[in-house]
Amino acid sequence: MGNIDYVLVFKALADETRLEIIKMLSKGELCACKLLENFNITQPTLSYHMKILCDSKLVENRRDGAWMIYSLNKESLRNVGDLLNNFIK
């Protein structure tokens, strides 16, 4: 099932803010500034959450000038879904 550390994935998903970030990114890529507008947190706190999401491979990032752009790693999410589906077979 790929080279995903599922412990990191489930730790990443075990936080309400990070789940909301995943939901927001499911509609398309967003810059950090747009993500930050939706939360009552500081930029360093957002960076902390994004590092966890990126380390878990659920989210990818790229730099666009001064901005960091985030998007879902759909392959990783599919692998997580496959893992969960295998539990109910």
PDB file of N, CA and C in Angstrom:
ATOM      1  N   MET A   1       0.821  -1.210   0.000  1.00  0.00           N
ATOM      2  CA  MET A   1       0.000   0.000   0.000  1.00  0.00           C
ATOM      3  C   MET A   1       0.857   1.263   0.000  1.00  0.00           C
ATOM      4  N   GLY A   2       1.919   1.274  -0.728  1.00  0.00           N
ATOM      5  CA  GLY A   2       2.720   2.484  -0.805  1.00  0.00           C
ATOM      6  C   GLY A   2       3.637   2.634   0.383  1.00  0.00           C
ATOM      7  N   ASN A   3       4.339   3.722   0.420  1.00  0.00           N
ATOM      8  CA  ASN A   3       5.290   3.958   1.503  1.00  0.00           C
ATOM      9  C   ASN A   3       4.740   5.004   2.461  1.00  0.00           C
ATOM     10  N   ILE A   4       3.547   4.776   2.922  1.00  0.00           N
ATOM     11  CA  ILE A   4       2.883   5.701   3.840  1.00  0.00           C
ATOM     12  C   ILE A   4       3.049   5.184   5.262  1.00  0.00           C
ATOM     13  N   ASP A   5       3.371   6.074   6.168  1.00  0.00           N
ATOM     14  CA  ASP A   5       3.414   5.742   7.589  1.00  0.00           C
ATOM     15  C   ASP A   5       2.012   6.005   8.137  1.00  0.00           C
ATOM     16  N   TYR A   6       1.235   4.941   8.276  1.00  0.00           N
ATOM     17  CA  TYR A   6      -0.162   5.096   8.663  1.00  0.00           C
ATOM     18  C   TYR A   6      -0.323   5.635  10.077  1.00  0.00           C
ATOM     19  N   VAL A   7       0.660   5.415  10.938  1.00  0.00           N
ATOM     20  CA  VAL A   7       0.594   6.008  12.273  1.00  0.00           C
ATOM     21  C   VAL A   7       0.618   7.533  12.152  1.00  0.00           C
ATOM     22  N   LEU A   8       1.518   8.058  11.301  1.00  0.00           N
ATOM     23  CA  LEU A   8       1.553   9.510  11.082  1.00  0.00           C
ATOM     24  C   LEU A   8       0.248  10.008  10.475  1.00  0.00           C
ATOM     25  N   VAL A   9      -0.312   9.241   9.548  1.00  0.00           N
ATOM     26  CA  VAL A   9      -1.569   9.632   8.899  1.00  0.00           C
ATOM     27  C   VAL A   9      -2.680   9.769   9.928  1.00  0.00           C
ATOM     28  N   PHE A  10      -2.839   8.752  10.773  1.00  0.00           N
ATOM     29  CA  PHE A  10      -3.945   8.799  11.716  1.00  0.00           C
ATOM     30  C   PHE A  10      -3.712   9.817  12.832  1.00  0.00           C
ATOM     31  N   LYS A  11      -2.465  10.071  13.174  1.00  0.00           N
ATOM     32  CA  LYS A  11      -2.184  11.167  14.111  1.00  0.00           C
ATOM     33  C   LYS A  11      -2.542  12.505  13.471  1.00  0.00           C
ATOM     34  N   ALA A  12      -2.224  12.650  12.190  1.00  0.00           N
ATOM     35  CA  ALA A  12      -2.554  13.896  11.486  1.00  0.00           C
ATOM     36  C   ALA A  12      -4.059  14.105  11.424  1.00  0.00           C
ATOM     37  N   LEU A  13      -4.808  13.028  11.215  1.00  0.00           N
ATOM     38  CA  LEU A  13      -6.262  13.131  11.084  1.00  0.00           C
ATOM     39  C   LEU A  13      -6.981  13.245  12.429  1.00  0.00           C
ATOM     40  N   ALA A  14      -6.245  13.059  13.516  1.00  0.00           N
ATOM     41  CA  ALA A  14      -6.856  13.066  14.843  1.00  0.00           C
ATOM     42  C   ALA A  14      -6.993  14.465  15.433  1.00  0.00           C
ATOM     43  N   ASP A  15      -6.894  15.480  14.607  1.00  0.00           N
ATOM     44  CA  ASP A  15      -6.994  16.861  15.082  1.00  0.00           C
ATOM     45  C   ASP A  15      -8.069  17.590  14.282  1.00  0.00           C
ATOM     46  N   GLU A  16      -8.949  18.283  14.980  1.00  0.00           N
ATOM     47  CA  GLU A  16     -10.080  18.973  14.349  1.00  0.00           C
ATOM     48  C   GLU A  16      -9.628  20.016  13.328  1.00  0.00           C
ATOM     49  N   THR A  17      -8.601  20.779  13.643  1.00  0.00           N
ATOM     50  CA  THR A  17      -8.110  21.810  12.719  1.00  0.00           C
ATOM     51  C   THR A  17      -7.568  21.168  11.448  1.00  0.00           C
ATOM     52  N   ARG A  18      -6.794  20.098  11.614  1.00  0.00           N
ATOM     53  CA  ARG A  18      -6.227  19.444  10.436  1.00  0.00           C
ATOM     54  C   ARG A  18      -7.306  18.784   9.585  1.00  0.00           C
ATOM     55  N   LEU A  19      -8.329  18.232  10.212  1.00  0.00           N
ATOM     56  CA  LEU A  19      -9.450  17.682   9.435  1.00  0.00           C
ATOM     57  C   LEU A  19     -10.141  18.777   8.632  1.00  0.00           C
ATOM     58  N   GLU A  20     -10.297  19.942   9.226  1.00  0.00           N
ATOM     59  CA  GLU A  20     -10.925  21.064   8.518  1.00  0.00           C
ATOM     60  C   GLU A  20     -10.043  21.513   7.356  1.00  0.00           C
ATOM     61  N   ILE A  21      -8.738  21.519   7.550  1.00  0.00           N
ATOM     62  CA  ILE A  21      -7.815  21.866   6.464  1.00  0.00           C
ATOM     63  C   ILE A  21      -7.956  20.875   5.317  1.00  0.00           C
ATOM     64  N   ILE A  22      -8.025  19.588   5.634  1.00  0.00           N
ATOM     65  CA  ILE A  22      -8.215  18.558   4.595  1.00  0.00           C
ATOM     66  C   ILE A  22      -9.516  18.824   3.836  1.00  0.00           C
ATOM     67  N   LYS A  23     -10.573  19.144   4.565  1.00  0.00           N
ATOM     68  CA  LYS A  23     -11.863  19.424   3.926  1.00  0.00           C
ATOM     69  C   LYS A  23     -11.756  20.634   2.991  1.00  0.00           C
ATOM     70  N   MET A  24     -11.066  21.670   3.426  1.00  0.00           N
ATOM     71  CA  MET A  24     -10.897  22.865   2.606  1.00  0.00           C
ATOM     72  C   MET A  24     -10.087  22.549   1.348  1.00  0.00           C
ATOM     73  N   LEU A  25      -9.036  21.754   1.503  1.00  0.00           N
ATOM     74  CA  LEU A  25      -8.182  21.419   0.360  1.00  0.00           C
ATOM     75  C   LEU A  25      -8.871  20.455  -0.602  1.00  0.00           C
ATOM     76  N   SER A  26      -9.914  19.783  -0.154  1.00  0.00           N
ATOM     77  CA  SER A  26     -10.640  18.878  -1.046  1.00  0.00           C
ATOM     78  C   SER A  26     -11.331  19.641  -2.168  1.00  0.00           C
ATOM     79  N   LYS A  27     -11.477  20.946  -2.003  1.00  0.00           N
ATOM     80  CA  LYS A  27     -12.100  21.791  -3.035  1.00  0.00           C
ATOM     81  C   LYS A  27     -11.068  22.383  -3.986  1.00  0.00           C
ATOM     82  N   GLY A  28      -9.782  22.129  -3.709  1.00  0.00           N
ATOM     83  CA  GLY A  28      -8.725  22.644  -4.571  1.00  0.00           C
ATOM     84  C   GLY A  28      -7.576  23.207  -3.762  1.00  0.00           C
ATOM     85  N   GLU A  29      -6.477  23.501  -4.443  1.00  0.00           N
ATOM     86  CA  GLU A  29      -5.300  23.991  -3.746  1.00  0.00           C
ATOM     87  C   GLU A  29      -5.546  25.387  -3.180  1.00  0.00           C
ATOM     88  N   LEU A  30      -4.857  25.674  -2.079  1.00  0.00           N
ATOM     89  CA  LEU A  30      -4.997  26.967  -1.399  1.00  0.00           C
ATOM     90  C   LEU A  30      -3.640  27.424  -0.889  1.00  0.00           C
ATOM     91  N   CYS A  31      -3.462  28.740  -0.862  1.00  0.00           N
ATOM     92  CA  CYS A  31      -2.250  29.278  -0.252  1.00  0.00           C
ATOM     93  C   CYS A  31      -2.449  29.355   1.261  1.00  0.00           C
ATOM     94  N   ALA A  32      -1.346  29.404   1.968  1.00  0.00           N
ATOM     95  CA  ALA A  32      -1.391  29.455   3.425  1.00  0.00           C
ATOM     96  C   ALA A  32      -2.233  30.634   3.908  1.00  0.00           C
ATOM     97  N   CYS A  33      -2.161  31.751   3.199  1.00  0.00           N
ATOM     98  CA  CYS A  33      -2.906  32.937   3.633  1.00  0.00           C
ATOM     99  C   CYS A  33      -4.416  32.684   3.604  1.00  0.00           C
ATOM    100  N   LYS A  34      -4.893  31.948   2.608  1.00  0.00           N
ATOM    101  CA  LYS A  34      -6.326  31.640   2.516  1.00  0.00           C
ATOM    102  C   LYS A  34      -6.738  30.655   3.604  1.00  0.00           C
ATOM    103  N   LEU A  35      -5.883  29.692   3.885  1.00  0.00           N
ATOM    104  CA  LEU A  35      -6.182  28.760   4.978  1.00  0.00           C
ATOM    105  C   LEU A  35      -6.267  29.516   6.303  1.00  0.00           C
ATOM    106  N   LEU A  36      -5.316  30.407   6.510  1.00  0.00           N
ATOM    107  CA  LEU A  36      -5.243  31.146   7.772  1.00  0.00           C
ATOM    108  C   LEU A  36      -6.485  31.997   8.011  1.00  0.00           C
ATOM    109  N   GLU A  37      -7.089  32.511   6.946  1.00  0.00           N
ATOM    110  CA  GLU A  37      -8.296  33.341   7.075  1.00  0.00           C
ATOM    111  C   GLU A  37      -9.450  32.594   7.720  1.00  0.00           C
ATOM    112  N   ASN A  38      -9.441  31.267   7.647  1.00  0.00           N
ATOM    113  CA  ASN A  38     -10.558  30.470   8.128  1.00  0.00           C
ATOM    114  C   ASN A  38     -10.397  29.981   9.562  1.00  0.00           C
ATOM    115  N   PHE A  39      -9.299  30.336  10.196  1.00  0.00           N
ATOM    116  CA  PHE A  39      -9.037  29.866  11.557  1.00  0.00           C
ATOM    117  C   PHE A  39      -8.638  31.022  12.455  1.00  0.00           C
ATOM    118  N   ASN A  40      -8.871  30.847  13.728  1.00  0.00           N
ATOM    119  CA  ASN A  40      -8.449  31.829  14.720  1.00  0.00           C
ATOM    120  C   ASN A  40      -7.131  31.338  15.337  1.00  0.00           C
ATOM    121  N   ILE A  41      -6.108  31.201  14.476  1.00  0.00           N
ATOM    122  CA  ILE A  41      -4.793  30.728  14.907  1.00  0.00           C
ATOM    123  C   ILE A  41      -3.727  31.628  14.287  1.00  0.00           C
ATOM    124  N   THR A  42      -2.530  31.531  14.822  1.00  0.00           N
ATOM    125  CA  THR A  42      -1.415  32.323  14.287  1.00  0.00           C
ATOM    126  C   THR A  42      -0.777  31.601  13.104  1.00  0.00           C
ATOM    127  N   GLN A  43       0.035  32.321  12.356  1.00  0.00           N
ATOM    128  CA  GLN A  43       0.736  31.729  11.225  1.00  0.00           C
ATOM    129  C   GLN A  43       1.674  30.604  11.677  1.00  0.00           C
ATOM    130  N   PRO A  44       2.417  30.765  12.788  1.00  0.00           N
ATOM    131  CA  PRO A  44       3.261  29.642  13.233  1.00  0.00           C
ATOM    132  C   PRO A  44       2.446  28.387  13.592  1.00  0.00           C
ATOM    133  N   THR A  45       1.255  28.576  14.145  1.00  0.00           N
ATOM    134  CA  THR A  45       0.403  27.428  14.468  1.00  0.00           C
ATOM    135  C   THR A  45      -0.072  26.744  13.186  1.00  0.00           C
ATOM    136  N   LEU A  46      -0.439  27.531  12.176  1.00  0.00           N
ATOM    137  CA  LEU A  46      -0.818  26.948  10.890  1.00  0.00           C
ATOM    138  C   LEU A  46       0.372  26.180  10.307  1.00  0.00           C
ATOM    139  N   SER A  47       1.550  26.741  10.365  1.00  0.00           N
ATOM    140  CA  SER A  47       2.743  26.071   9.846  1.00  0.00           C
ATOM    141  C   SER A  47       2.968  24.729  10.546  1.00  0.00           C
ATOM    142  N   TYR A  48       2.730  24.694  11.849  1.00  0.00           N
ATOM    143  CA  TYR A  48       2.853  23.456  12.620  1.00  0.00           C
ATOM    144  C   TYR A  48       1.881  22.404  12.077  1.00  0.00           C
ATOM    145  N   HIS A  49       0.627  22.786  11.884  1.00  0.00           N
ATOM    146  CA  HIS A  49      -0.374  21.849  11.367  1.00  0.00           C
ATOM    147  C   HIS A  49      -0.028  21.393   9.950  1.00  0.00           C
ATOM    148  N   MET A  50       0.438  22.315   9.121  1.00  0.00           N
ATOM    149  CA  MET A  50       0.758  21.965   7.744  1.00  0.00           C
ATOM    150  C   MET A  50       1.976  21.037   7.680  1.00  0.00           C
ATOM    151  N   LYS A  51       2.927  21.226   8.574  1.00  0.00           N
ATOM    152  CA  LYS A  51       4.079  20.321   8.617  1.00  0.00           C
ATOM    153  C   LYS A  51       3.618  18.909   8.944  1.00  0.00           C
ATOM    154  N   ILE A  52       2.726  18.764   9.891  1.00  0.00           N
ATOM    155  CA  ILE A  52       2.207  17.438  10.246  1.00  0.00           C
ATOM    156  C   ILE A  52       1.481  16.816   9.055  1.00  0.00           C
ATOM    157  N   LEU A  53       0.653  17.603   8.377  1.00  0.00           N
ATOM    158  CA  LEU A  53      -0.079  17.089   7.217  1.00  0.00           C
ATOM    159  C   LEU A  53       0.864  16.725   6.075  1.00  0.00           C
ATOM    160  N   CYS A  54       1.891  17.521   5.854  1.00  0.00           N
ATOM    161  CA  CYS A  54       2.858  17.221   4.794  1.00  0.00           C
ATOM    162  C   CYS A  54       3.727  16.016   5.168  1.00  0.00           C
ATOM    163  N   ASP A  55       4.154  15.927   6.429  1.00  0.00           N
ATOM    164  CA  ASP A  55       4.962  14.791   6.875  1.00  0.00           C
ATOM    165  C   ASP A  55       4.188  13.481   6.755  1.00  0.00           C
ATOM    166  N   SER A  56       2.869  13.541   6.920  1.00  0.00           N
ATOM    167  CA  SER A  56       2.032  12.342   6.802  1.00  0.00           C
ATOM    168  C   SER A  56       1.774  11.986   5.339  1.00  0.00           C
ATOM    169  N   LYS A  57       2.174  12.867   4.439  1.00  0.00           N
ATOM    170  CA  LYS A  57       2.003  12.717   2.984  1.00  0.00           C
ATOM    171  C   LYS A  57       0.543  12.859   2.536  1.00  0.00           C
ATOM    172  N   LEU A  58      -0.319  13.383   3.410  1.00  0.00           N
ATOM    173  CA  LEU A  58      -1.698  13.650   3.015  1.00  0.00           C
ATOM    174  C   LEU A  58      -1.794  14.938   2.203  1.00  0.00           C
ATOM    175  N   VAL A  59      -0.850  15.846   2.425  1.00  0.00           N
ATOM    176  CA  VAL A  59      -0.856  17.153   1.775  1.00  0.00           C
ATOM    177  C   VAL A  59       0.510  17.383   1.134  1.00  0.00           C
ATOM    178  N   GLU A  60       0.493  18.020  -0.027  1.00  0.00           N
ATOM    179  CA  GLU A  60       1.714  18.405  -0.729  1.00  0.00           C
ATOM    180  C   GLU A  60       1.806  19.928  -0.724  1.00  0.00           C
ATOM    181  N   ASN A  61       3.013  20.444  -0.869  1.00  0.00           N
ATOM    182  CA  ASN A  61       3.172  21.898  -0.945  1.00  0.00           C
ATOM    183  C   ASN A  61       4.115  22.270  -2.062  1.00  0.00           C
ATOM    184  N   ARG A  62       3.968  23.521  -2.489  1.00  0.00           N
ATOM    185  CA  ARG A  62       4.883  24.084  -3.485  1.00  0.00           C
ATOM    186  C   ARG A  62       4.959  25.581  -3.228  1.00  0.00           C
ATOM    187  N   ARG A  63       6.092  26.138  -3.543  1.00  0.00           N
ATOM    188  CA  ARG A  63       6.283  27.574  -3.359  1.00  0.00           C
ATOM    189  C   ARG A  63       5.920  28.288  -4.657  1.00  0.00           C
ATOM    190  N   ASP A  64       5.195  29.390  -4.513  1.00  0.00           N
ATOM    191  CA  ASP A  64       4.843  30.251  -5.650  1.00  0.00           C
ATOM    192  C   ASP A  64       5.225  31.669  -5.243  1.00  0.00           C
ATOM    193  N   GLY A  65       6.457  32.047  -5.548  1.00  0.00           N
ATOM    194  CA  GLY A  65       6.966  33.347  -5.100  1.00  0.00           C
ATOM    195  C   GLY A  65       7.087  33.343  -3.589  1.00  0.00           C
ATOM    196  N   ALA A  66       6.411  34.285  -2.956  1.00  0.00           N
ATOM    197  CA  ALA A  66       6.456  34.391  -1.501  1.00  0.00           C
ATOM    198  C   ALA A  66       5.446  33.473  -0.821  1.00  0.00           C
ATOM    199  N   TRP A  67       4.579  32.853  -1.594  1.00  0.00           N
ATOM    200  CA  TRP A  67       3.474  32.074  -1.028  1.00  0.00           C
ATOM    201  C   TRP A  67       3.760  30.585  -1.040  1.00  0.00           C
ATOM    202  N   MET A  68       3.234  29.898  -0.035  1.00  0.00           N
ATOM    203  CA  MET A  68       3.269  28.441  -0.002  1.00  0.00           C
ATOM    204  C   MET A  68       1.869  27.972  -0.382  1.00  0.00           C
ATOM    205  N   ILE A  69       1.802  27.116  -1.387  1.00  0.00           N
ATOM    206  CA  ILE A  69       0.526  26.604  -1.896  1.00  0.00           C
ATOM    207  C   ILE A  69       0.402  25.144  -1.478  1.00  0.00           C
ATOM    208  N   TYR A  70      -0.766  24.786  -0.956  1.00  0.00           N
ATOM    209  CA  TYR A  70      -1.006  23.430  -0.469  1.00  0.00           C
ATOM    210  C   TYR A  70      -2.098  22.751  -1.283  1.00  0.00           C
ATOM    211  N   SER A  71      -1.956  21.437  -1.443  1.00  0.00           N
ATOM    212  CA  SER A  71      -2.974  20.633  -2.124  1.00  0.00           C
ATOM    213  C   SER A  71      -2.981  19.235  -1.511  1.00  0.00           C
ATOM    214  N   LEU A  72      -4.086  18.529  -1.731  1.00  0.00           N
ATOM    215  CA  LEU A  72      -4.184  17.165  -1.232  1.00  0.00           C
ATOM    216  C   LEU A  72      -3.328  16.237  -2.083  1.00  0.00           C
ATOM    217  N   ASN A  73      -2.750  15.248  -1.438  1.00  0.00           N
ATOM    218  CA  ASN A  73      -2.058  14.172  -2.133  1.00  0.00           C
ATOM    219  C   ASN A  73      -3.103  13.062  -2.311  1.00  0.00           C
ATOM    220  N   LYS A  74      -3.753  13.080  -3.458  1.00  0.00           N
ATOM    221  CA  LYS A  74      -4.883  12.176  -3.685  1.00  0.00           C
ATOM    222  C   LYS A  74      -4.469  10.709  -3.668  1.00  0.00           C
ATOM    223  N   GLU A  75      -3.263  10.414  -4.131  1.00  0.00           N
ATOM    224  CA  GLU A  75      -2.808   9.025  -4.109  1.00  0.00           C
ATOM    225  C   GLU A  75      -2.701   8.518  -2.667  1.00  0.00           C
ATOM    226  N   SER A  76      -2.137   9.328  -1.786  1.00  0.00           N
ATOM    227  CA  SER A  76      -2.035   8.937  -0.376  1.00  0.00           C
ATOM    228  C   SER A  76      -3.411   8.751   0.239  1.00  0.00           C
ATOM    229  N   LEU A  77      -4.331   9.663  -0.072  1.00  0.00           N
ATOM    230  CA  LEU A  77      -5.683   9.541   0.467  1.00  0.00           C
ATOM    231  C   LEU A  77      -6.366   8.272  -0.038  1.00  0.00           C
ATOM    232  N   ARG A  78      -6.151   7.942  -1.307  1.00  0.00           N
ATOM    233  CA  ARG A  78      -6.710   6.694  -1.849  1.00  0.00           C
ATOM    234  C   ARG A  78      -6.122   5.488  -1.123  1.00  0.00           C
ATOM    235  N   ASN A  79      -4.821   5.522  -0.848  1.00  0.00           N
ATOM    236  CA  ASN A  79      -4.178   4.420  -0.126  1.00  0.00           C
ATOM    237  C   ASN A  79      -4.755   4.258   1.272  1.00  0.00           C
ATOM    238  N   VAL A  80      -5.025   5.369   1.940  1.00  0.00           N
ATOM    239  CA  VAL A  80      -5.642   5.309   3.271  1.00  0.00           C
ATOM    240  C   VAL A  80      -7.044   4.718   3.162  1.00  0.00           C
ATOM    241  N   GLY A  81      -7.793   5.154   2.159  1.00  0.00           N
ATOM    242  CA  GLY A  81      -9.128   4.601   1.927  1.00  0.00           C
ATOM    243  C   GLY A  81      -9.079   3.110   1.640  1.00  0.00           C
ATOM    244  N   ASP A  82      -8.113   2.678   0.831  1.00  0.00           N
ATOM    245  CA  ASP A  82      -7.947   1.255   0.533  1.00  0.00           C
ATOM    246  C   ASP A  82      -7.658   0.469   1.802  1.00  0.00           C
ATOM    247  N   LEU A  83      -6.774   1.010   2.648  1.00  0.00           N
ATOM    248  CA  LEU A  83      -6.458   0.342   3.908  1.00  0.00           C
ATOM    249  C   LEU A  83      -7.714   0.149   4.741  1.00  0.00           C
ATOM    250  N   LEU A  84      -8.500   1.201   4.892  1.00  0.00           N
ATOM    251  CA  LEU A  84      -9.722   1.111   5.686  1.00  0.00           C
ATOM    252  C   LEU A  84     -10.725   0.164   5.061  1.00  0.00           C
ATOM    253  N   ASN A  85     -10.851   0.184   3.754  1.00  0.00           N
ATOM    254  CA  ASN A  85     -11.786  -0.723   3.065  1.00  0.00           C
ATOM    255  C   ASN A  85     -11.375  -2.185   3.259  1.00  0.00           C
ATOM    256  N   ASN A  86     -10.073  -2.450   3.330  1.00  0.00           N
ATOM    257  CA  ASN A  86      -9.609  -3.817   3.537  1.00  0.00           C
ATOM    258  C   ASN A  86     -10.012  -4.367   4.909  1.00  0.00           C
ATOM    259  N   PHE A  87     -10.254  -3.495   5.863  1.00  0.00           N
ATOM    260  CA  PHE A  87     -10.674  -3.931   7.186  1.00  0.00           C
ATOM    261  C   PHE A  87     -12.086  -4.509   7.189  1.00  0.00           C
ATOM    262  N   ILE A  88     -12.914  -4.097   6.240  1.00  0.00           N
ATOM    263  CA  ILE A  88     -14.308  -4.535   6.244  1.00  0.00           C
ATOM    264  C   ILE A  88     -14.610  -5.609   5.207  1.00  0.00           C
ATOM    265  N   LYS A  89     -13.599  -6.115   4.546  1.00  0.00           N
ATOM    266  CA  LYS A  89     -13.803  -7.157   3.533  1.00  0.00           C
ATOM    267  C   LYS A  89     -13.900  -8.518   4.171  1.00  0.00           C
TER     268      LYS A  89
END
